[in-house]
Amino acid sequence: MKKVLTLAVAAALAGGAAMTHAYEAGDWIVRAGAATVAPDADSDTVPSLGVTVDVDDNTQLSIIGTYMATEHFGIELLAATPFSHDISVNEINAEAGETKHLPPTLSIQWYPRGDKDGWQPYVGLGVNYTIFFDEEADSDLEGIVGKADLDLDDSFGLAASAGVDIPLGEHWAFNVGVWYIDIDTTAEVTLREAGNAKVKFDVDIDPWVYNIGIAYKF
């Protein structure tokens, strides 16, 4: 990834003034690439088990659309193919389960150099709605508590972002971006061999999301 970024920056610098990339009201910018969700997870202690859980990283294809409402302000929607995460137990070498999720994030972005040619840095604030699905309890967990079902509540929270478009021509650019997203969920484990007793605990996922890709301005 560092090599790709270095080459893109070198290409942009080599192009000099020939590479225009000013934004105008009504422009559409589509960015596509690879997005990595890196959770900064923290969980409550799981009742009756006395353990906490962690959530691993995952990388998927990203598609990000931005509409420029003015030369300096854009409306961005972050989307991606479904992310898949393993959930592990911190205190012992065991897997608790796995889940998939989609984290669409809508943001208002400010482009301080939007009306100028050259690099286009931006910052944004927005909201995220994360949808969890295909949750499964792992065999490690079931070896401890017996047959179990896992369910995660969907999450609604705030998001902050920053990034830059580095022009590669009049329409094309190299893009890097980062988001911090507030994703909090309640996990519910149904113990099927204990009369369907339910164990609930909160998990703060709060990931950093890193994106690297190509942008095209219409």
C-alpha atoms as a PDB file:
ATOM      1  CA  MET A   1       0.000   0.000   0.000  1.00  0.00           C
ATOM      2  CA  LYS A   2       2.866   2.405   0.811  1.00  0.00           C
ATOM      3  CA  LYS A   3       4.425   1.718  -2.603  1.00  0.00           C
ATOM      4  CA  VAL A   4       1.150   2.470  -4.403  1.00  0.00           C
ATOM      5  CA  LEU A   5       0.749   5.722  -2.463  1.00  0.00           C
ATOM      6  CA  THR A   6       4.340   6.764  -3.243  1.00  0.00           C
ATOM      7  CA  LEU A   7       3.883   6.109  -6.972  1.00  0.00           C
ATOM      8  CA  ALA A   8       0.604   8.021  -7.069  1.00  0.00           C
ATOM      9  CA  VAL A   9       2.105  11.027  -5.304  1.00  0.00           C
ATOM     10  CA  ALA A  10       5.094  10.979  -7.647  1.00  0.00           C
ATOM     11  CA  ALA A  11       2.804  10.844 -10.683  1.00  0.00           C
ATOM     12  CA  ALA A  12       0.740  13.757  -9.392  1.00  0.00           C
ATOM     13  CA  LEU A  13       3.830  15.868  -8.751  1.00  0.00           C
ATOM     14  CA  ALA A  14       5.267  14.993 -12.151  1.00  0.00           C
ATOM     15  CA  GLY A  15       2.085  16.199 -13.834  1.00  0.00           C
ATOM     16  CA  GLY A  16       2.372  19.626 -12.251  1.00  0.00           C
ATOM     17  CA  ALA A  17      -0.012  22.294 -13.481  1.00  0.00           C
ATOM     18  CA  ALA A  18      -1.345  20.017 -16.234  1.00  0.00           C
ATOM     19  CA  MET A  19      -3.380  18.139 -13.639  1.00  0.00           C
ATOM     20  CA  THR A  20      -6.480  20.171 -12.899  1.00  0.00           C
ATOM     21  CA  HIS A  21      -8.993  18.934 -10.413  1.00  0.00           C
ATOM     22  CA  ALA A  22     -11.090  21.866  -9.156  1.00  0.00           C
ATOM     23  CA  TYR A  23     -14.587  20.940  -8.037  1.00  0.00           C
ATOM     24  CA  GLU A  24     -17.800  22.685  -9.023  1.00  0.00           C
ATOM     25  CA  ALA A  25     -21.354  22.576  -7.723  1.00  0.00           C
ATOM     26  CA  GLY A  26     -23.133  19.645  -9.366  1.00  0.00           C
ATOM     27  CA  ASP A  27     -20.028  17.465  -9.787  1.00  0.00           C
ATOM     28  CA  TRP A  28     -20.273  13.783  -8.900  1.00  0.00           C
ATOM     29  CA  ILE A  29     -17.196  12.001  -7.538  1.00  0.00           C
ATOM     30  CA  VAL A  30     -17.107   8.199  -7.428  1.00  0.00           C
ATOM     31  CA  ARG A  31     -14.331   6.522  -5.465  1.00  0.00           C
ATOM     32  CA  ALA A  32     -13.657   2.776  -5.572  1.00  0.00           C
ATOM     33  CA  GLY A  33     -10.985   0.757  -3.820  1.00  0.00           C
ATOM     34  CA  ALA A  34     -10.280  -1.324  -0.737  1.00  0.00           C
ATOM     35  CA  ALA A  35     -11.598  -0.450   2.712  1.00  0.00           C
ATOM     36  CA  THR A  36     -10.297  -1.948   5.947  1.00  0.00           C
ATOM     37  CA  VAL A  37     -12.443  -1.910   9.082  1.00  0.00           C
ATOM     38  CA  ALA A  38     -10.129  -2.025  12.114  1.00  0.00           C
ATOM     39  CA  PRO A  39     -12.232  -2.223  15.302  1.00  0.00           C
ATOM     40  CA  ASP A  40     -11.049  -0.616  18.521  1.00  0.00           C
ATOM     41  CA  ALA A  41     -13.292  -3.033  20.390  1.00  0.00           C
ATOM     42  CA  ASP A  42     -14.228  -3.053  24.053  1.00  0.00           C
ATOM     43  CA  SER A  43     -16.923  -5.184  25.664  1.00  0.00           C
ATOM     44  CA  ASP A  44     -18.688  -5.618  28.958  1.00  0.00           C
ATOM     45  CA  THR A  45     -17.846  -8.713  30.931  1.00  0.00           C
ATOM     46  CA  VAL A  46     -20.009 -11.577  29.678  1.00  0.00           C
ATOM     47  CA  PRO A  47     -22.401 -12.552  32.500  1.00  0.00           C
ATOM     48  CA  SER A  48     -21.664 -15.917  34.147  1.00  0.00           C
ATOM     49  CA  LEU A  49     -18.525 -16.401  32.032  1.00  0.00           C
ATOM     50  CA  GLY A  50     -16.375 -13.558  33.375  1.00  0.00           C
ATOM     51  CA  VAL A  51     -14.702 -12.858  30.025  1.00  0.00           C
ATOM     52  CA  THR A  52     -14.643 -10.073  27.424  1.00  0.00           C
ATOM     53  CA  VAL A  53     -14.546 -10.272  23.635  1.00  0.00           C
ATOM     54  CA  ASP A  54     -12.621  -8.702  20.760  1.00  0.00           C
ATOM     55  CA  VAL A  55     -13.416  -8.193  17.050  1.00  0.00           C
ATOM     56  CA  ASP A  56     -10.851  -8.677  14.273  1.00  0.00           C
ATOM     57  CA  ASP A  57     -10.093  -6.566  11.167  1.00  0.00           C
ATOM     58  CA  ASN A  58     -11.506  -7.153   7.700  1.00  0.00           C
ATOM     59  CA  THR A  59     -10.953  -5.667   4.225  1.00  0.00           C
ATOM     60  CA  GLN A  60     -13.560  -5.414   1.464  1.00  0.00           C
ATOM     61  CA  LEU A  61     -14.212  -3.577  -1.796  1.00  0.00           C
ATOM     62  CA  SER A  62     -15.480  -0.028  -1.304  1.00  0.00           C
ATOM     63  CA  ILE A  63     -17.693   2.224  -3.400  1.00  0.00           C
ATOM     64  CA  ILE A  64     -18.044   5.841  -2.269  1.00  0.00           C
ATOM     65  CA  GLY A  65     -20.221   8.418  -3.966  1.00  0.00           C
ATOM     66  CA  THR A  66     -20.013  12.180  -3.384  1.00  0.00           C
ATOM     67  CA  TYR A  67     -22.247  14.943  -4.740  1.00  0.00           C
ATOM     68  CA  MET A  68     -20.785  18.457  -4.647  1.00  0.00           C
ATOM     69  CA  ALA A  69     -23.551  20.748  -3.427  1.00  0.00           C
ATOM     70  CA  THR A  70     -21.184  23.724  -3.752  1.00  0.00           C
ATOM     71  CA  GLU A  71     -17.512  24.181  -4.637  1.00  0.00           C
ATOM     72  CA  HIS A  72     -16.586  23.556  -1.000  1.00  0.00           C
ATOM     73  CA  PHE A  73     -19.241  21.214   0.411  1.00  0.00           C
ATOM     74  CA  GLY A  74     -20.091  17.669  -0.653  1.00  0.00           C
ATOM     75  CA  ILE A  75     -22.493  14.952   0.472  1.00  0.00           C
ATOM     76  CA  GLU A  76     -20.821  11.528   0.693  1.00  0.00           C
ATOM     77  CA  LEU A  77     -22.201   8.008   1.028  1.00  0.00           C
ATOM     78  CA  LEU A  78     -19.729   5.309   2.071  1.00  0.00           C
ATOM     79  CA  ALA A  79     -20.695   1.781   1.004  1.00  0.00           C
ATOM     80  CA  ALA A  80     -18.862  -1.529   0.602  1.00  0.00           C
ATOM     81  CA  THR A  81     -19.292  -5.232   0.099  1.00  0.00           C
ATOM     82  CA  PRO A  82     -20.221  -6.954   3.410  1.00  0.00           C
ATOM     83  CA  PHE A  83     -17.501  -7.046   6.040  1.00  0.00           C
ATOM     84  CA  SER A  84     -16.932 -10.328   7.910  1.00  0.00           C
ATOM     85  CA  HIS A  85     -15.470 -10.375  11.430  1.00  0.00           C
ATOM     86  CA  ASP A  86     -14.377 -13.107  13.816  1.00  0.00           C
ATOM     87  CA  ILE A  87     -15.255 -12.488  17.470  1.00  0.00           C
ATOM     88  CA  SER A  88     -12.715 -13.887  19.935  1.00  0.00           C
ATOM     89  CA  VAL A  89     -12.512 -14.267  23.716  1.00  0.00           C
ATOM     90  CA  ASN A  90      -9.755 -12.144  25.252  1.00  0.00           C
ATOM     91  CA  GLU A  91      -8.981 -14.163  28.388  1.00  0.00           C
ATOM     92  CA  ILE A  92      -8.696 -17.593  26.759  1.00  0.00           C
ATOM     93  CA  ASN A  93      -7.637 -18.894  23.359  1.00  0.00           C
ATOM     94  CA  ALA A  94     -11.137 -19.372  22.000  1.00  0.00           C
ATOM     95  CA  GLU A  95     -13.386 -18.056  19.259  1.00  0.00           C
ATOM     96  CA  ALA A  96     -16.824 -16.803  20.295  1.00  0.00           C
ATOM     97  CA  GLY A  97     -18.417 -16.425  16.880  1.00  0.00           C
ATOM     98  CA  GLU A  98     -18.529 -14.471  13.670  1.00  0.00           C
ATOM     99  CA  THR A  99     -20.731 -11.872  12.004  1.00  0.00           C
ATOM    100  CA  LYS A 100     -21.135  -9.919   8.806  1.00  0.00           C
ATOM    101  CA  HIS A 101     -22.145  -6.282   8.619  1.00  0.00           C
ATOM    102  CA  LEU A 102     -22.806  -3.377   6.290  1.00  0.00           C
ATOM    103  CA  PRO A 103     -21.914   0.092   7.637  1.00  0.00           C
ATOM    104  CA  PRO A 104     -23.432   2.708   5.251  1.00  0.00           C
ATOM    105  CA  THR A 105     -22.253   6.149   6.354  1.00  0.00           C
ATOM    106  CA  LEU A 106     -23.647   9.490   5.169  1.00  0.00           C
ATOM    107  CA  SER A 107     -21.430  12.550   5.686  1.00  0.00           C
ATOM    108  CA  ILE A 108     -21.234  16.254   4.924  1.00  0.00           C
ATOM    109  CA  GLN A 109     -17.713  17.116   3.781  1.00  0.00           C
ATOM    110  CA  TRP A 110     -15.803  20.372   3.575  1.00  0.00           C
ATOM    111  CA  TYR A 111     -13.255  20.874   0.762  1.00  0.00           C
ATOM    112  CA  PRO A 112     -11.152  23.949   1.682  1.00  0.00           C
ATOM    113  CA  ARG A 113      -9.511  23.975  -1.785  1.00  0.00           C
ATOM    114  CA  GLY A 114     -12.566  22.853  -3.752  1.00  0.00           C
ATOM    115  CA  ASP A 115     -12.472  25.788  -6.163  1.00  0.00           C
ATOM    116  CA  LYS A 116      -8.732  25.416  -6.810  1.00  0.00           C
ATOM    117  CA  ASP A 117      -6.731  23.051  -9.000  1.00  0.00           C
ATOM    118  CA  GLY A 118      -4.454  20.429  -7.430  1.00  0.00           C
ATOM    119  CA  TRP A 119      -4.785  18.305  -4.320  1.00  0.00           C
ATOM    120  CA  GLN A 120      -8.218  18.232  -2.679  1.00  0.00           C
ATOM    121  CA  PRO A 121      -8.112  17.527   1.075  1.00  0.00           C
ATOM    122  CA  TYR A 122     -11.415  17.228   2.906  1.00  0.00           C
ATOM    123  CA  VAL A 123     -12.911  16.602   6.333  1.00  0.00           C
ATOM    124  CA  GLY A 124     -16.413  15.490   7.201  1.00  0.00           C
ATOM    125  CA  LEU A 125     -18.997  14.673   9.851  1.00  0.00           C
ATOM    126  CA  GLY A 126     -21.890  12.292   9.438  1.00  0.00           C
ATOM    127  CA  VAL A 127     -24.027   9.439  10.681  1.00  0.00           C
ATOM    128  CA  ASN A 128     -23.642   5.682  10.394  1.00  0.00           C
ATOM    129  CA  TYR A 129     -26.149   2.854  10.458  1.00  0.00           C
ATOM    130  CA  THR A 130     -24.570  -0.586  10.811  1.00  0.00           C
ATOM    131  CA  ILE A 131     -26.592  -3.681   9.926  1.00  0.00           C
ATOM    132  CA  PHE A 132     -25.414  -6.991  11.411  1.00  0.00           C
ATOM    133  CA  PHE A 133     -26.417 -10.305   9.834  1.00  0.00           C
ATOM    134  CA  ASP A 134     -25.360 -13.966   9.471  1.00  0.00           C
ATOM    135  CA  GLU A 135     -24.222 -14.124  13.102  1.00  0.00           C
ATOM    136  CA  GLU A 136     -22.991 -17.556  14.199  1.00  0.00           C
ATOM    137  CA  ALA A 137     -21.690 -18.923  17.495  1.00  0.00           C
ATOM    138  CA  ASP A 138     -18.326 -20.663  17.133  1.00  0.00           C
ATOM    139  CA  SER A 139     -17.691 -24.275  18.087  1.00  0.00           C
ATOM    140  CA  ASP A 140     -15.213 -23.055  20.760  1.00  0.00           C
ATOM    141  CA  LEU A 141     -18.018 -21.180  22.510  1.00  0.00           C
ATOM    142  CA  GLU A 142     -20.423 -24.075  22.127  1.00  0.00           C
ATOM    143  CA  GLY A 143     -17.808 -26.337  23.686  1.00  0.00           C
ATOM    144  CA  ILE A 144     -18.104 -24.184  26.818  1.00  0.00           C
ATOM    145  CA  VAL A 145     -21.826 -23.324  26.983  1.00  0.00           C
ATOM    146  CA  GLY A 146     -23.397 -25.939  24.693  1.00  0.00           C
ATOM    147  CA  LYS A 147     -25.422 -25.222  21.564  1.00  0.00           C
ATOM    148  CA  ALA A 148     -25.964 -21.507  21.223  1.00  0.00           C
ATOM    149  CA  ASP A 149     -27.304 -18.808  18.913  1.00  0.00           C
ATOM    150  CA  LEU A 150     -25.713 -15.373  18.518  1.00  0.00           C
ATOM    151  CA  ASP A 151     -27.517 -12.140  17.664  1.00  0.00           C
ATOM    152  CA  LEU A 152     -26.178  -8.563  17.414  1.00  0.00           C
ATOM    153  CA  ASP A 153     -28.353  -5.453  17.464  1.00  0.00           C
ATOM    154  CA  ASP A 154     -27.990  -2.956  14.633  1.00  0.00           C
ATOM    155  CA  SER A 155     -26.192   0.284  15.501  1.00  0.00           C
ATOM    156  CA  PHE A 156     -26.746   4.001  14.854  1.00  0.00           C
ATOM    157  CA  GLY A 157     -23.951   6.475  15.624  1.00  0.00           C
ATOM    158  CA  LEU A 158     -21.844   9.426  14.547  1.00  0.00           C
ATOM    159  CA  ALA A 159     -18.867   9.343  12.175  1.00  0.00           C
ATOM    160  CA  ALA A 160     -15.923  11.642  11.409  1.00  0.00           C
ATOM    161  CA  SER A 161     -13.771  11.452   8.283  1.00  0.00           C
ATOM    162  CA  ALA A 162     -10.800  12.956   6.478  1.00  0.00           C
ATOM    163  CA  GLY A 163      -9.113  12.281   3.166  1.00  0.00           C
ATOM    164  CA  VAL A 164      -7.483  13.658   0.059  1.00  0.00           C
ATOM    165  CA  ASP A 165      -7.858  13.342  -3.707  1.00  0.00           C
ATOM    166  CA  ILE A 166      -4.521  13.544  -5.538  1.00  0.00           C
ATOM    167  CA  PRO A 167      -5.133  14.429  -9.221  1.00  0.00           C
ATOM    168  CA  LEU A 168      -3.928  12.031 -11.911  1.00  0.00           C
ATOM    169  CA  GLY A 169      -5.591  14.004 -14.710  1.00  0.00           C
ATOM    170  CA  GLU A 170      -8.613  16.194 -15.344  1.00  0.00           C
ATOM    171  CA  HIS A 171     -11.078  13.553 -14.151  1.00  0.00           C
ATOM    172  CA  TRP A 172      -9.042  10.859 -12.368  1.00  0.00           C
ATOM    173  CA  ALA A 173      -7.473  11.023  -8.901  1.00  0.00           C
ATOM    174  CA  PHE A 174      -5.819   8.801  -6.345  1.00  0.00           C
ATOM    175  CA  ASN A 175      -7.737   8.789  -3.061  1.00  0.00           C
ATOM    176  CA  VAL A 176      -6.964   7.916   0.526  1.00  0.00           C
ATOM    177  CA  GLY A 177      -9.491   8.354   3.308  1.00  0.00           C
ATOM    178  CA  VAL A 178     -10.100   7.490   6.943  1.00  0.00           C
ATOM    179  CA  TRP A 179     -13.230   7.393   9.110  1.00  0.00           C
ATOM    180  CA  TYR A 180     -13.804   6.925  12.812  1.00  0.00           C
ATOM    181  CA  ILE A 181     -17.246   5.431  13.382  1.00  0.00           C
ATOM    182  CA  ASP A 182     -19.199   5.021  16.612  1.00  0.00           C
ATOM    183  CA  ILE A 183     -20.594   1.464  16.390  1.00  0.00           C
ATOM    184  CA  ASP A 184     -22.108   0.083  19.605  1.00  0.00           C
ATOM    185  CA  THR A 185     -24.139  -3.102  19.753  1.00  0.00           C
ATOM    186  CA  THR A 186     -25.740  -5.435  22.268  1.00  0.00           C
ATOM    187  CA  ALA A 187     -24.819  -9.113  21.830  1.00  0.00           C
ATOM    188  CA  GLU A 188     -27.360 -11.737  22.814  1.00  0.00           C
ATOM    189  CA  VAL A 189     -26.347 -15.377  23.232  1.00  0.00           C
ATOM    190  CA  THR A 190     -29.233 -17.847  23.445  1.00  0.00           C
ATOM    191  CA  LEU A 191     -28.236 -21.005  25.336  1.00  0.00           C
ATOM    192  CA  ARG A 192     -30.322 -23.702  23.673  1.00  0.00           C
ATOM    193  CA  GLU A 193     -29.279 -26.431  26.110  1.00  0.00           C
ATOM    194  CA  ALA A 194     -30.245 -24.275  29.102  1.00  0.00           C
ATOM    195  CA  GLY A 195     -33.886 -23.744  28.273  1.00  0.00           C
ATOM    196  CA  ASN A 196     -33.073 -20.975  25.756  1.00  0.00           C
ATOM    197  CA  ALA A 197     -31.711 -18.762  28.525  1.00  0.00           C
ATOM    198  CA  LYS A 198     -30.355 -15.503  27.158  1.00  0.00           C
ATOM    199  CA  VAL A 199     -27.073 -13.805  28.017  1.00  0.00           C
ATOM    200  CA  LYS A 200     -26.710 -10.159  26.951  1.00  0.00           C
ATOM    201  CA  PHE A 201     -23.717  -7.818  27.004  1.00  0.00           C
ATOM    202  CA  ASP A 202     -22.686  -4.584  25.265  1.00  0.00           C
ATOM    203  CA  VAL A 203     -19.845  -4.386  22.730  1.00  0.00           C
ATOM    204  CA  ASP A 204     -18.291  -1.098  21.574  1.00  0.00           C
ATOM    205  CA  ILE A 205     -16.735  -1.804  18.160  1.00  0.00           C
ATOM    206  CA  ASP A 206     -15.802   1.824  17.289  1.00  0.00           C
ATOM    207  CA  PRO A 207     -13.639   1.064  14.242  1.00  0.00           C
ATOM    208  CA  TRP A 208     -11.177   3.075  12.246  1.00  0.00           C
ATOM    209  CA  VAL A 209     -11.943   2.583   8.561  1.00  0.00           C
ATOM    210  CA  TYR A 210      -9.112   3.073   6.057  1.00  0.00           C
ATOM    211  CA  ASN A 211      -9.743   3.368   2.317  1.00  0.00           C
ATOM    212  CA  ILE A 212      -7.329   3.492  -0.605  1.00  0.00           C
ATOM    213  CA  GLY A 213      -8.490   3.675  -4.204  1.00  0.00           C
ATOM    214  CA  ILE A 214      -9.176   5.637  -7.370  1.00  0.00           C
ATOM    215  CA  ALA A 215     -11.615   8.522  -7.816  1.00  0.00           C
ATOM    216  CA  TYR A 216     -13.385   9.717 -10.957  1.00  0.00           C
ATOM    217  CA  LYS A 217     -15.072  13.136 -11.295  1.00  0.00           C
ATOM    218  CA  PHE A 218     -18.101  13.444 -13.591  1.00  0.00           C
END
